[in-house]
Amino acid sequence: MAKKAKKTAKKAAKKSAKKAAKKAPKKAAKKAAKKKSARKPNAAFMAPLTPSPQLAEVVGSKGLPRTEIIKKIWDYIKKKGLQDKKNRRMINADDKLKPIFGTKDQISMFELAKVVSKHVK
């Protein structure tokens, strides 16, 4: 009986190996067909914007794309430790950020782009 069990195990192993060999080329062909085209950057995001004098104190006075302005503000926030300790989504204003935030002492990170848009041309 042991010989019979070994034979059936070998047959099952061969069958599963054949099935795997048949499936492999099909999957590779599907993946090759789904090649994506390279993404093109949107020119509107790359257009340089001039910051207001208040914003220029934080990011510099030369023209930068909107994405770079937000990056520089985040670098400043992290360097100065201005994220709220309990609720990390909130940003506390210091002396340089207070004029940018307007009347608020604290804004959420989701409001940051809205606030910055008022200070760029």
PDB file of N, CA and C in Angstrom:
ATOM      1  N   MET A   1       0.805  -1.204   0.000  1.00  0.00           N
ATOM      2  CA  MET A   1       0.000   0.000   0.000  1.00  0.00           C
ATOM      3  C   MET A   1       0.856   1.281   0.000  1.00  0.00           C
ATOM      4  N   ALA A   2       2.017   1.223   0.601  1.00  0.00           N
ATOM      5  CA  ALA A   2       2.888   2.385   0.652  1.00  0.00           C
ATOM      6  C   ALA A   2       3.334   2.787  -0.747  1.00  0.00           C
ATOM      7  N   LYS A   3       3.584   1.792  -1.604  1.00  0.00           N
ATOM      8  CA  LYS A   3       4.000   2.082  -2.976  1.00  0.00           C
ATOM      9  C   LYS A   3       2.886   2.801  -3.733  1.00  0.00           C
ATOM     10  N   LYS A   4       1.636   2.364  -3.507  1.00  0.00           N
ATOM     11  CA  LYS A   4       0.496   2.967  -4.189  1.00  0.00           C
ATOM     12  C   LYS A   4       0.327   4.438  -3.780  1.00  0.00           C
ATOM     13  N   ALA A   5       0.514   4.725  -2.500  1.00  0.00           N
ATOM     14  CA  ALA A   5       0.397   6.089  -1.999  1.00  0.00           C
ATOM     15  C   ALA A   5       1.474   6.985  -2.603  1.00  0.00           C
ATOM     16  N   LYS A   6       2.702   6.430  -2.739  1.00  0.00           N
ATOM     17  CA  LYS A   6       3.799   7.206  -3.311  1.00  0.00           C
ATOM     18  C   LYS A   6       3.518   7.535  -4.774  1.00  0.00           C
ATOM     19  N   LYS A   7       2.971   6.551  -5.508  1.00  0.00           N
ATOM     20  CA  LYS A   7       2.668   6.766  -6.917  1.00  0.00           C
ATOM     21  C   LYS A   7       1.612   7.856  -7.104  1.00  0.00           C
ATOM     22  N   THR A   8       0.565   7.822  -6.289  1.00  0.00           N
ATOM     23  CA  THR A   8      -0.489   8.840  -6.412  1.00  0.00           C
ATOM     24  C   THR A   8       0.041  10.224  -6.037  1.00  0.00           C
ATOM     25  N   ALA A   9       0.943  10.266  -5.066  1.00  0.00           N
ATOM     26  CA  ALA A   9       1.539  11.548  -4.679  1.00  0.00           C
ATOM     27  C   ALA A   9       2.390  12.100  -5.820  1.00  0.00           C
ATOM     28  N   LYS A  10       3.142  11.220  -6.486  1.00  0.00           N
ATOM     29  CA  LYS A  10       3.973  11.655  -7.604  1.00  0.00           C
ATOM     30  C   LYS A  10       3.117  12.165  -8.761  1.00  0.00           C
ATOM     31  N   LYS A  11       2.014  11.449  -9.045  1.00  0.00           N
ATOM     32  CA  LYS A  11       1.117  11.861 -10.119  1.00  0.00           C
ATOM     33  C   LYS A  11       0.503  13.233  -9.829  1.00  0.00           C
ATOM     34  N   ALA A  12       0.102  13.429  -8.588  1.00  0.00           N
ATOM     35  CA  ALA A  12      -0.499  14.714  -8.201  1.00  0.00           C
ATOM     36  C   ALA A  12       0.517  15.848  -8.335  1.00  0.00           C
ATOM     37  N   ALA A  13       1.757  15.581  -7.950  1.00  0.00           N
ATOM     38  CA  ALA A  13       2.807  16.586  -8.054  1.00  0.00           C
ATOM     39  C   ALA A  13       3.070  16.934  -9.515  1.00  0.00           C
ATOM     40  N   LYS A  14       3.090  15.925 -10.399  1.00  0.00           N
ATOM     41  CA  LYS A  14       3.317  16.179 -11.816  1.00  0.00           C
ATOM     42  C   LYS A  14       2.188  17.009 -12.418  1.00  0.00           C
ATOM     43  N   LYS A  15       0.942  16.688 -12.043  1.00  0.00           N
ATOM     44  CA  LYS A  15      -0.220  17.429 -12.557  1.00  0.00           C
ATOM     45  C   LYS A  15      -0.161  18.897 -12.152  1.00  0.00           C
ATOM     46  N   SER A  16       0.143  19.133 -10.879  1.00  0.00           N
ATOM     47  CA  SER A  16       0.187  20.526 -10.407  1.00  0.00           C
ATOM     48  C   SER A  16       1.334  21.286 -11.067  1.00  0.00           C
ATOM     49  N   ALA A  17       2.453  20.591 -11.341  1.00  0.00           N
ATOM     50  CA  ALA A  17       3.578  21.238 -12.029  1.00  0.00           C
ATOM     51  C   ALA A  17       3.193  21.602 -13.459  1.00  0.00           C
ATOM     52  N   LYS A  18       2.453  20.718 -14.132  1.00  0.00           N
ATOM     53  CA  LYS A  18       2.011  20.998 -15.495  1.00  0.00           C
ATOM     54  C   LYS A  18       1.050  22.178 -15.523  1.00  0.00           C
ATOM     55  N   LYS A  19       0.117  22.221 -14.556  1.00  0.00           N
ATOM     56  CA  LYS A  19      -0.847  23.325 -14.497  1.00  0.00           C
ATOM     57  C   LYS A  19      -0.141  24.655 -14.279  1.00  0.00           C
ATOM     58  N   ALA A  20       0.847  24.657 -13.375  1.00  0.00           N
ATOM     59  CA  ALA A  20       1.589  25.886 -13.094  1.00  0.00           C
ATOM     60  C   ALA A  20       2.362  26.336 -14.327  1.00  0.00           C
ATOM     61  N   ALA A  21       2.915  25.379 -15.066  1.00  0.00           N
ATOM     62  CA  ALA A  21       3.667  25.712 -16.277  1.00  0.00           C
ATOM     63  C   ALA A  21       2.745  26.297 -17.350  1.00  0.00           C
ATOM     64  N   LYS A  22       1.528  25.815 -17.420  1.00  0.00           N
ATOM     65  CA  LYS A  22       0.586  26.341 -18.414  1.00  0.00           C
ATOM     66  C   LYS A  22       0.108  27.742 -18.055  1.00  0.00           C
ATOM     67  N   LYS A  23      -0.098  28.003 -16.763  1.00  0.00           N
ATOM     68  CA  LYS A  23      -0.625  29.306 -16.319  1.00  0.00           C
ATOM     69  C   LYS A  23       0.410  30.415 -16.414  1.00  0.00           C
ATOM     70  N   ALA A  24       1.673  30.108 -16.197  1.00  0.00           N
ATOM     71  CA  ALA A  24       2.716  31.125 -16.148  1.00  0.00           C
ATOM     72  C   ALA A  24       2.797  31.963 -17.420  1.00  0.00           C
ATOM     73  N   PRO A  25       2.848  31.354 -18.624  1.00  0.00           N
ATOM     74  CA  PRO A  25       2.949  32.198 -19.819  1.00  0.00           C
ATOM     75  C   PRO A  25       1.735  33.092 -20.025  1.00  0.00           C
ATOM     76  N   LYS A  26       0.554  32.640 -19.644  1.00  0.00           N
ATOM     77  CA  LYS A  26      -0.642  33.457 -19.811  1.00  0.00           C
ATOM     78  C   LYS A  26      -0.580  34.697 -18.951  1.00  0.00           C
ATOM     79  N   LYS A  27      -0.125  34.555 -17.687  1.00  0.00           N
ATOM     80  CA  LYS A  27      -0.039  35.711 -16.792  1.00  0.00           C
ATOM     81  C   LYS A  27       0.981  36.714 -17.305  1.00  0.00           C
ATOM     82  N   ALA A  28       2.104  36.226 -17.790  1.00  0.00           N
ATOM     83  CA  ALA A  28       3.142  37.118 -18.300  1.00  0.00           C
ATOM     84  C   ALA A  28       2.636  37.903 -19.503  1.00  0.00           C
ATOM     85  N   ALA A  29       1.854  37.230 -20.361  1.00  0.00           N
ATOM     86  CA  ALA A  29       1.320  37.908 -21.538  1.00  0.00           C
ATOM     87  C   ALA A  29       0.335  39.001 -21.139  1.00  0.00           C
ATOM     88  N   LYS A  30      -0.488  38.744 -20.122  1.00  0.00           N
ATOM     89  CA  LYS A  30      -1.448  39.751 -19.671  1.00  0.00           C
ATOM     90  C   LYS A  30      -0.739  40.964 -19.095  1.00  0.00           C
ATOM     91  N   LYS A  31       0.313  40.731 -18.313  1.00  0.00           N
ATOM     92  CA  LYS A  31       1.031  41.846 -17.699  1.00  0.00           C
ATOM     93  C   LYS A  31       1.702  42.713 -18.755  1.00  0.00           C
ATOM     94  N   ALA A  32       2.242  42.098 -19.791  1.00  0.00           N
ATOM     95  CA  ALA A  32       2.913  42.854 -20.842  1.00  0.00           C
ATOM     96  C   ALA A  32       1.912  43.721 -21.611  1.00  0.00           C
ATOM     97  N   ALA A  33       0.694  43.252 -21.748  1.00  0.00           N
ATOM     98  CA  ALA A  33      -0.317  43.997 -22.497  1.00  0.00           C
ATOM     99  C   ALA A  33      -0.810  45.213 -21.729  1.00  0.00           C
ATOM    100  N   LYS A  34      -0.715  45.208 -20.401  1.00  0.00           N
ATOM    101  CA  LYS A  34      -1.246  46.299 -19.578  1.00  0.00           C
ATOM    102  C   LYS A  34      -0.228  47.398 -19.290  1.00  0.00           C
ATOM    103  N   LYS A  35       0.782  47.568 -20.119  1.00  0.00           N
ATOM    104  CA  LYS A  35       1.792  48.586 -19.883  1.00  0.00           C
ATOM    105  C   LYS A  35       1.155  49.970 -19.890  1.00  0.00           C
ATOM    106  N   LYS A  36       1.473  50.766 -18.875  1.00  0.00           N
ATOM    107  CA  LYS A  36       0.903  52.116 -18.777  1.00  0.00           C
ATOM    108  C   LYS A  36       1.801  53.109 -19.502  1.00  0.00           C
ATOM    109  N   SER A  37       1.185  54.155 -20.002  1.00  0.00           N
ATOM    110  CA  SER A  37       1.968  55.215 -20.620  1.00  0.00           C
ATOM    111  C   SER A  37       2.530  56.108 -19.511  1.00  0.00           C
ATOM    112  N   ALA A  38       3.636  56.744 -19.776  1.00  0.00           N
ATOM    113  CA  ALA A  38       4.271  57.603 -18.785  1.00  0.00           C
ATOM    114  C   ALA A  38       3.384  58.807 -18.491  1.00  0.00           C
ATOM    115  N   ARG A  39       3.309  59.192 -17.214  1.00  0.00           N
ATOM    116  CA  ARG A  39       2.489  60.348 -16.849  1.00  0.00           C
ATOM    117  C   ARG A  39       3.183  61.630 -17.254  1.00  0.00           C
ATOM    118  N   LYS A  40       2.400  62.561 -17.743  1.00  0.00           N
ATOM    119  CA  LYS A  40       2.928  63.857 -18.132  1.00  0.00           C
ATOM    120  C   LYS A  40       2.596  64.858 -17.028  1.00  0.00           C
ATOM    121  N   PRO A  41       3.564  65.639 -16.564  1.00  0.00           N
ATOM    122  CA  PRO A  41       3.264  66.621 -15.528  1.00  0.00           C
ATOM    123  C   PRO A  41       2.351  67.725 -16.056  1.00  0.00           C
ATOM    124  N   ASN A  42       1.451  68.179 -15.215  1.00  0.00           N
ATOM    125  CA  ASN A  42       0.535  69.247 -15.584  1.00  0.00           C
ATOM    126  C   ASN A  42       1.292  70.576 -15.529  1.00  0.00           C
ATOM    127  N   ALA A  43       1.249  71.322 -16.605  1.00  0.00           N
ATOM    128  CA  ALA A  43       1.997  72.574 -16.687  1.00  0.00           C
ATOM    129  C   ALA A  43       1.523  73.603 -15.670  1.00  0.00           C
ATOM    130  N   ALA A  44       0.256  73.541 -15.278  1.00  0.00           N
ATOM    131  CA  ALA A  44      -0.276  74.515 -14.317  1.00  0.00           C
ATOM    132  C   ALA A  44       0.388  74.351 -12.948  1.00  0.00           C
ATOM    133  N   PHE A  45       0.735  73.129 -12.581  1.00  0.00           N
ATOM    134  CA  PHE A  45       1.397  72.913 -11.290  1.00  0.00           C
ATOM    135  C   PHE A  45       2.845  73.386 -11.320  1.00  0.00           C
ATOM    136  N   MET A  46       3.439  73.405 -12.490  1.00  0.00           N
ATOM    137  CA  MET A  46       4.850  73.751 -12.590  1.00  0.00           C
ATOM    138  C   MET A  46       5.081  75.246 -12.848  1.00  0.00           C
ATOM    139  N   ALA A  47       4.019  75.997 -13.040  1.00  0.00           N
ATOM    140  CA  ALA A  47       4.168  77.433 -13.294  1.00  0.00           C
ATOM    141  C   ALA A  47       4.689  78.130 -12.042  1.00  0.00           C
ATOM    142  N   PRO A  48       5.749  78.939 -12.179  1.00  0.00           N
ATOM    143  CA  PRO A  48       6.273  79.632 -10.998  1.00  0.00           C
ATOM    144  C   PRO A  48       5.324  80.727 -10.520  1.00  0.00           C
ATOM    145  N   LEU A  49       5.112  80.777  -9.227  1.00  0.00           N
ATOM    146  CA  LEU A  49       4.249  81.784  -8.604  1.00  0.00           C
ATOM    147  C   LEU A  49       5.096  82.650  -7.690  1.00  0.00           C
ATOM    148  N   THR A  50       4.783  83.946  -7.654  1.00  0.00           N
ATOM    149  CA  THR A  50       5.534  84.835  -6.769  1.00  0.00           C
ATOM    150  C   THR A  50       4.826  84.935  -5.427  1.00  0.00           C
ATOM    151  N   PRO A  51       5.547  84.676  -4.342  1.00  0.00           N
ATOM    152  CA  PRO A  51       4.925  84.744  -3.016  1.00  0.00           C
ATOM    153  C   PRO A  51       4.782  86.180  -2.526  1.00  0.00           C
ATOM    154  N   SER A  52       3.810  86.392  -1.648  1.00  0.00           N
ATOM    155  CA  SER A  52       3.619  87.700  -1.020  1.00  0.00           C
ATOM    156  C   SER A  52       4.788  87.949  -0.056  1.00  0.00           C
ATOM    157  N   PRO A  53       4.973  89.187   0.389  1.00  0.00           N
ATOM    158  CA  PRO A  53       6.080  89.468   1.319  1.00  0.00           C
ATOM    159  C   PRO A  53       6.016  88.634   2.611  1.00  0.00           C
ATOM    160  N   GLN A  54       4.794  88.387   3.117  1.00  0.00           N
ATOM    161  CA  GLN A  54       4.666  87.577   4.339  1.00  0.00           C
ATOM    162  C   GLN A  54       5.102  86.134   4.083  1.00  0.00           C
ATOM    163  N   LEU A  55       4.687  85.582   2.953  1.00  0.00           N
ATOM    164  CA  LEU A  55       5.052  84.206   2.608  1.00  0.00           C
ATOM    165  C   LEU A  55       6.525  84.108   2.225  1.00  0.00           C
ATOM    166  N   ALA A  56       7.070  85.180   1.659  1.00  0.00           N
ATOM    167  CA  ALA A  56       8.475  85.192   1.247  1.00  0.00           C
ATOM    168  C   ALA A  56       9.416  85.039   2.440  1.00  0.00           C
ATOM    169  N   GLU A  57       8.976  85.448   3.626  1.00  0.00           N
ATOM    170  CA  GLU A  57       9.804  85.268   4.824  1.00  0.00           C
ATOM    171  C   GLU A  57      10.028  83.791   5.145  1.00  0.00           C
ATOM    172  N   VAL A  58       9.093  82.947   4.746  1.00  0.00           N
ATOM    173  CA  VAL A  58       9.181  81.519   5.031  1.00  0.00           C
ATOM    174  C   VAL A  58       9.821  80.753   3.876  1.00  0.00           C
ATOM    175  N   VAL A  59       9.382  81.009   2.628  1.00  0.00           N
ATOM    176  CA  VAL A  59       9.816  80.200   1.484  1.00  0.00           C
ATOM    177  C   VAL A  59      10.853  80.872   0.590  1.00  0.00           C
ATOM    178  N   GLY A  60      11.113  82.149   0.775  1.00  0.00           N
ATOM    179  CA  GLY A  60      12.035  82.866  -0.104  1.00  0.00           C
ATOM    180  C   GLY A  60      11.267  83.719  -1.092  1.00  0.00           C
ATOM    181  N   SER A  61      11.953  84.677  -1.701  1.00  0.00           N
ATOM    182  CA  SER A  61      11.255  85.655  -2.538  1.00  0.00           C
ATOM    183  C   SER A  61      11.178  85.278  -4.009  1.00  0.00           C
ATOM    184  N   LYS A  62      11.972  84.299  -4.465  1.00  0.00           N
ATOM    185  CA  LYS A  62      11.917  83.980  -5.897  1.00  0.00           C
ATOM    186  C   LYS A  62      10.701  83.117  -6.229  1.00  0.00           C
ATOM    187  N   GLY A  63      10.296  83.159  -7.497  1.00  0.00           N
ATOM    188  CA  GLY A  63       9.115  82.427  -7.944  1.00  0.00           C
ATOM    189  C   GLY A  63       9.316  80.918  -7.864  1.00  0.00           C
ATOM    190  N   LEU A  64       8.327  80.213  -7.341  1.00  0.00           N
ATOM    191  CA  LEU A  64       8.372  78.758  -7.194  1.00  0.00           C
ATOM    192  C   LEU A  64       7.039  78.155  -7.615  1.00  0.00           C
ATOM    193  N   PRO A  65       7.044  76.911  -8.080  1.00  0.00           N
ATOM    194  CA  PRO A  65       5.767  76.230  -8.324  1.00  0.00           C
ATOM    195  C   PRO A  65       5.019  76.010  -7.006  1.00  0.00           C
ATOM    196  N   ARG A  66       3.715  75.886  -7.093  1.00  0.00           N
ATOM    197  CA  ARG A  66       2.872  75.707  -5.909  1.00  0.00           C
ATOM    198  C   ARG A  66       3.321  74.509  -5.068  1.00  0.00           C
ATOM    199  N   THR A  67       3.705  73.422  -5.733  1.00  0.00           N
ATOM    200  CA  THR A  67       4.125  72.221  -5.003  1.00  0.00           C
ATOM    201  C   THR A  67       5.375  72.484  -4.168  1.00  0.00           C
ATOM    202  N   GLU A  68       6.311  73.239  -4.724  1.00  0.00           N
ATOM    203  CA  GLU A  68       7.544  73.556  -3.988  1.00  0.00           C
ATOM    204  C   GLU A  68       7.263  74.497  -2.819  1.00  0.00           C
ATOM    205  N   ILE A  69       6.327  75.409  -2.988  1.00  0.00           N
ATOM    206  CA  ILE A  69       5.970  76.328  -1.900  1.00  0.00           C
ATOM    207  C   ILE A  69       5.428  75.535  -0.719  1.00  0.00           C
ATOM    208  N   ILE A  70       4.531  74.592  -0.983  1.00  0.00           N
ATOM    209  CA  ILE A  70       3.960  73.769   0.087  1.00  0.00           C
ATOM    210  C   ILE A  70       5.052  72.927   0.747  1.00  0.00           C
ATOM    211  N   LYS A  71       5.973  72.388  -0.050  1.00  0.00           N
ATOM    212  CA  LYS A  71       7.077  71.594   0.508  1.00  0.00           C
ATOM    213  C   LYS A  71       7.925  72.429   1.454  1.00  0.00           C
ATOM    214  N   LYS A  72       8.242  73.658   1.027  1.00  0.00           N
ATOM    215  CA  LYS A  72       9.085  74.520   1.859  1.00  0.00           C
ATOM    216  C   LYS A  72       8.370  74.910   3.152  1.00  0.00           C
ATOM    217  N   ILE A  73       7.068  75.129   3.068  1.00  0.00           N
ATOM    218  CA  ILE A  73       6.318  75.447   4.287  1.00  0.00           C
ATOM    219  C   ILE A  73       6.355  74.258   5.233  1.00  0.00           C
ATOM    220  N   TRP A  74       6.170  73.044   4.700  1.00  0.00           N
ATOM    221  CA  TRP A  74       6.225  71.845   5.546  1.00  0.00           C
ATOM    222  C   TRP A  74       7.610  71.657   6.150  1.00  0.00           C
ATOM    223  N   ASP A  75       8.673  71.958   5.389  1.00  0.00           N
ATOM    224  CA  ASP A  75      10.027  71.872   5.939  1.00  0.00           C
ATOM    225  C   ASP A  75      10.178  72.835   7.116  1.00  0.00           C
ATOM    226  N   TYR A  76       9.640  74.047   6.951  1.00  0.00           N
ATOM    227  CA  TYR A  76       9.701  75.060   8.017  1.00  0.00           C
ATOM    228  C   TYR A  76       8.914  74.588   9.247  1.00  0.00           C
ATOM    229  N   ILE A  77       7.719  74.029   9.012  1.00  0.00           N
ATOM    230  CA  ILE A  77       6.873  73.562  10.123  1.00  0.00           C
ATOM    231  C   ILE A  77       7.575  72.451  10.889  1.00  0.00           C
ATOM    232  N   LYS A  78       8.170  71.512  10.179  1.00  0.00           N
ATOM    233  CA  LYS A  78       8.850  70.392  10.836  1.00  0.00           C
ATOM    234  C   LYS A  78      10.111  70.840  11.553  1.00  0.00           C
ATOM    235  N   LYS A  79      10.851  71.788  10.941  1.00  0.00           N
ATOM    236  CA  LYS A  79      12.082  72.282  11.550  1.00  0.00           C
ATOM    237  C   LYS A  79      11.794  73.006  12.869  1.00  0.00           C
ATOM    238  N   LYS A  80      10.715  73.778  12.886  1.00  0.00           N
ATOM    239  CA  LYS A  80      10.353  74.554  14.080  1.00  0.00           C
ATOM    240  C   LYS A  80       9.469  73.775  15.054  1.00  0.00           C
ATOM    241  N   GLY A  81       9.005  72.579  14.665  1.00  0.00           N
ATOM    242  CA  GLY A  81       8.152  71.771  15.540  1.00  0.00           C
ATOM    243  C   GLY A  81       6.788  72.412  15.765  1.00  0.00           C
ATOM    244  N   LEU A  82       6.147  72.875  14.702  1.00  0.00           N
ATOM    245  CA  LEU A  82       4.893  73.613  14.829  1.00  0.00           C
ATOM    246  C   LEU A  82       3.648  72.742  14.714  1.00  0.00           C
ATOM    247  N   GLN A  83       3.809  71.438  14.461  1.00  0.00           N
ATOM    248  CA  GLN A  83       2.634  70.566  14.462  1.00  0.00           C
ATOM    249  C   GLN A  83       2.166  70.386  15.896  1.00  0.00           C
ATOM    250  N   ASP A  84       0.863  70.368  16.092  1.00  0.00           N
ATOM    251  CA  ASP A  84       0.295  70.181  17.420  1.00  0.00           C
ATOM    252  C   ASP A  84       0.697  68.804  17.951  1.00  0.00           C
ATOM    253  N   LYS A  85       1.045  68.736  19.230  1.00  0.00           N
ATOM    254  CA  LYS A  85       1.526  67.473  19.813  1.00  0.00           C
ATOM    255  C   LYS A  85       0.420  66.429  19.943  1.00  0.00           C
ATOM    256  N   LYS A  86      -0.787  66.857  20.295  1.00  0.00           N
ATOM    257  CA  LYS A  86      -1.895  65.903  20.481  1.00  0.00           C
ATOM    258  C   LYS A  86      -2.563  65.563  19.162  1.00  0.00           C
ATOM    259  N   ASN A  87      -2.907  66.575  18.382  1.00  0.00           N
ATOM    260  CA  ASN A  87      -3.575  66.373  17.097  1.00  0.00           C
ATOM    261  C   ASN A  87      -2.607  66.785  15.995  1.00  0.00           C
ATOM    262  N   ARG A  88      -1.931  65.819  15.388  1.00  0.00           N
ATOM    263  CA  ARG A  88      -0.870  66.096  14.417  1.00  0.00           C
ATOM    264  C   ARG A  88      -1.387  66.735  13.127  1.00  0.00           C
ATOM    265  N   ARG A  89      -2.696  66.756  12.927  1.00  0.00           N
ATOM    266  CA  ARG A  89      -3.253  67.380  11.732  1.00  0.00           C
ATOM    267  C   ARG A  89      -3.290  68.900  11.840  1.00  0.00           C
ATOM    268  N   MET A  90      -3.111  69.419  13.030  1.00  0.00           N
ATOM    269  CA  MET A  90      -3.185  70.861  13.243  1.00  0.00           C
ATOM    270  C   MET A  90      -1.783  71.480  13.229  1.00  0.00           C
ATOM    271  N   ILE A  91      -1.696  72.681  12.671  1.00  0.00           N
ATOM    272  CA  ILE A  91      -0.436  73.408  12.586  1.00  0.00           C
ATOM    273  C   ILE A  91      -0.572  74.684  13.405  1.00  0.00           C
ATOM    274  N   ASN A  92       0.344  74.875  14.356  1.00  0.00           N
ATOM    275  CA  ASN A  92       0.338  76.065  15.196  1.00  0.00           C
ATOM    276  C   ASN A  92       1.119  77.180  14.491  1.00  0.00           C
ATOM    277  N   ALA A  93       0.658  78.397  14.644  1.00  0.00           N
ATOM    278  CA  ALA A  93       1.306  79.539  13.998  1.00  0.00           C
ATOM    279  C   ALA A  93       2.393  80.113  14.904  1.00  0.00           C
ATOM    280  N   ASP A  94       3.524  80.453  14.302  1.00  0.00           N
ATOM    281  CA  ASP A  94       4.532  81.225  15.027  1.00  0.00           C
ATOM    282  C   ASP A  94       4.518  82.645  14.448  1.00  0.00           C
ATOM    283  N   ASP A  95       5.523  83.451  14.765  1.00  0.00           N
ATOM    284  CA  ASP A  95       5.515  84.853  14.334  1.00  0.00           C
ATOM    285  C   ASP A  95       5.507  85.004  12.805  1.00  0.00           C
ATOM    286  N   LYS A  96       6.220  84.126  12.087  1.00  0.00           N
ATOM    287  CA  LYS A  96       6.271  84.236  10.623  1.00  0.00           C
ATOM    288  C   LYS A  96       5.010  83.688   9.952  1.00  0.00           C
ATOM    289  N   LEU A  97       4.396  82.666  10.546  1.00  0.00           N
ATOM    290  CA  LEU A  97       3.215  82.057   9.924  1.00  0.00           C
ATOM    291  C   LEU A  97       1.911  82.764  10.288  1.00  0.00           C
ATOM    292  N   LYS A  98       1.900  83.536  11.363  1.00  0.00           N
ATOM    293  CA  LYS A  98       0.679  84.200  11.818  1.00  0.00           C
ATOM    294  C   LYS A  98       0.065  85.104  10.737  1.00  0.00           C
ATOM    295  N   PRO A  99       0.866  85.940  10.045  1.00  0.00           N
ATOM    296  CA  PRO A  99       0.263  86.766   8.991  1.00  0.00           C
ATOM    297  C   PRO A  99      -0.277  85.951   7.815  1.00  0.00           C
ATOM    298  N   ILE A 100       0.310  84.784   7.575  1.00  0.00           N
ATOM    299  CA  ILE A 100      -0.160  83.928   6.480  1.00  0.00           C
ATOM    300  C   ILE A 100      -1.484  83.265   6.861  1.00  0.00           C
ATOM    301  N   PHE A 101      -1.597  82.812   8.102  1.00  0.00           N
ATOM    302  CA  PHE A 101      -2.807  82.130   8.574  1.00  0.00           C
ATOM    303  C   PHE A 101      -3.966  83.095   8.776  1.00  0.00           C
ATOM    304  N   GLY A 102      -3.688  84.386   8.828  1.00  0.00           N
ATOM    305  CA  GLY A 102      -4.749  85.380   9.031  1.00  0.00           C
ATOM    306  C   GLY A 102      -5.046  85.531  10.509  1.00  0.00           C
ATOM    307  N   THR A 103      -6.308  85.418  10.884  1.00  0.00           N
ATOM    308  CA  THR A 103      -6.707  85.640  12.279  1.00  0.00           C
ATOM    309  C   THR A 103      -6.548  84.394  13.143  1.00  0.00           C
ATOM    310  N   LYS A 104      -6.324  83.233  12.527  1.00  0.00           N
ATOM    311  CA  LYS A 104      -6.263  81.980  13.281  1.00  0.00           C
ATOM    312  C   LYS A 104      -4.879  81.731  13.872  1.00  0.00           C
ATOM    313  N   ASP A 105      -4.847  81.149  15.067  1.00  0.00           N
ATOM    314  CA  ASP A 105      -3.587  80.738  15.683  1.00  0.00           C
ATOM    315  C   ASP A 105      -3.206  79.332  15.256  1.00  0.00           C
ATOM    316  N   GLN A 106      -4.191  78.598  14.744  1.00  0.00           N
ATOM    317  CA  GLN A 106      -3.972  77.209  14.388  1.00  0.00           C
ATOM    318  C   GLN A 106      -4.871  76.854  13.196  1.00  0.00           C
ATOM    319  N   ILE A 107      -4.297  76.134  12.197  1.00  0.00           N
ATOM    320  CA  ILE A 107      -5.107  75.653  11.076  1.00  0.00           C
ATOM    321  C   ILE A 107      -4.839  74.162  10.887  1.00  0.00           C
ATOM    322  N   SER A 108      -5.743  73.504  10.150  1.00  0.00           N
ATOM    323  CA  SER A 108      -5.505  72.095   9.862  1.00  0.00           C
ATOM    324  C   SER A 108      -4.628  72.001   8.617  1.00  0.00           C
ATOM    325  N   MET A 109      -3.964  70.871   8.460  1.00  0.00           N
ATOM    326  CA  MET A 109      -3.078  70.714   7.309  1.00  0.00           C
ATOM    327  C   MET A 109      -3.851  70.744   5.991  1.00  0.00           C
ATOM    328  N   PHE A 110      -5.154  70.462   6.051  1.00  0.00           N
ATOM    329  CA  PHE A 110      -5.968  70.478   4.846  1.00  0.00           C
ATOM    330  C   PHE A 110      -6.298  71.907   4.412  1.00  0.00           C
ATOM    331  N   GLU A 111      -6.216  72.848   5.324  1.00  0.00           N
ATOM    332  CA  GLU A 111      -6.462  74.255   5.009  1.00  0.00           C
ATOM    333  C   GLU A 111      -5.212  74.954   4.498  1.00  0.00           C
ATOM    334  N   LEU A 112      -4.075  74.291   4.597  1.00  0.00           N
ATOM    335  CA  LEU A 112      -2.804  74.930   4.259  1.00  0.00           C
ATOM    336  C   LEU A 112      -2.770  75.421   2.806  1.00  0.00           C
ATOM    337  N   ALA A 113      -3.197  74.614   1.864  1.00  0.00           N
ATOM    338  CA  ALA A 113      -3.172  75.014   0.454  1.00  0.00           C
ATOM    339  C   ALA A 113      -4.115  76.193   0.210  1.00  0.00           C
ATOM    340  N   LYS A 114      -5.243  76.195   0.891  1.00  0.00           N
ATOM    341  CA  LYS A 114      -6.219  77.282   0.751  1.00  0.00           C
ATOM    342  C   LYS A 114      -5.621  78.602   1.257  1.00  0.00           C
ATOM    343  N   VAL A 115      -4.943  78.542   2.374  1.00  0.00           N
ATOM    344  CA  VAL A 115      -4.335  79.732   2.970  1.00  0.00           C
ATOM    345  C   VAL A 115      -3.194  80.240   2.077  1.00  0.00           C
ATOM    346  N   VAL A 116      -2.407  79.317   1.546  1.00  0.00           N
ATOM    347  CA  VAL A 116      -1.265  79.707   0.709  1.00  0.00           C
ATOM    348  C   VAL A 116      -1.744  80.351  -0.591  1.00  0.00           C
ATOM    349  N   SER A 117      -2.853  79.876  -1.133  1.00  0.00           N
ATOM    350  CA  SER A 117      -3.348  80.418  -2.407  1.00  0.00           C
ATOM    351  C   SER A 117      -3.666  81.913  -2.323  1.00  0.00           C
ATOM    352  N   LYS A 118      -3.960  82.409  -1.120  1.00  0.00           N
ATOM    353  CA  LYS A 118      -4.236  83.835  -0.947  1.00  0.00           C
ATOM    354  C   LYS A 118      -2.952  84.673  -0.972  1.00  0.00           C
ATOM    355  N   HIS A 119      -1.804  83.993  -0.826  1.00  0.00           N
ATOM    356  CA  HIS A 119      -0.524  84.716  -0.730  1.00  0.00           C
ATOM    357  C   HIS A 119       0.386  84.478  -1.913  1.00  0.00           C
ATOM    358  N   VAL A 120      -0.144  84.003  -3.041  1.00  0.00           N
ATOM    359  CA  VAL A 120       0.676  83.833  -4.246  1.00  0.00           C
ATOM    360  C   VAL A 120      -0.033  84.477  -5.444  1.00  0.00           C
ATOM    361  N   LYS A 121       0.779  84.871  -6.418  1.00  0.00           N
ATOM    362  CA  LYS A 121       0.238  85.455  -7.656  1.00  0.00           C
ATOM    363  C   LYS A 121       0.708  84.651  -8.826  1.00  0.00           C
TER     364      LYS A 121
END
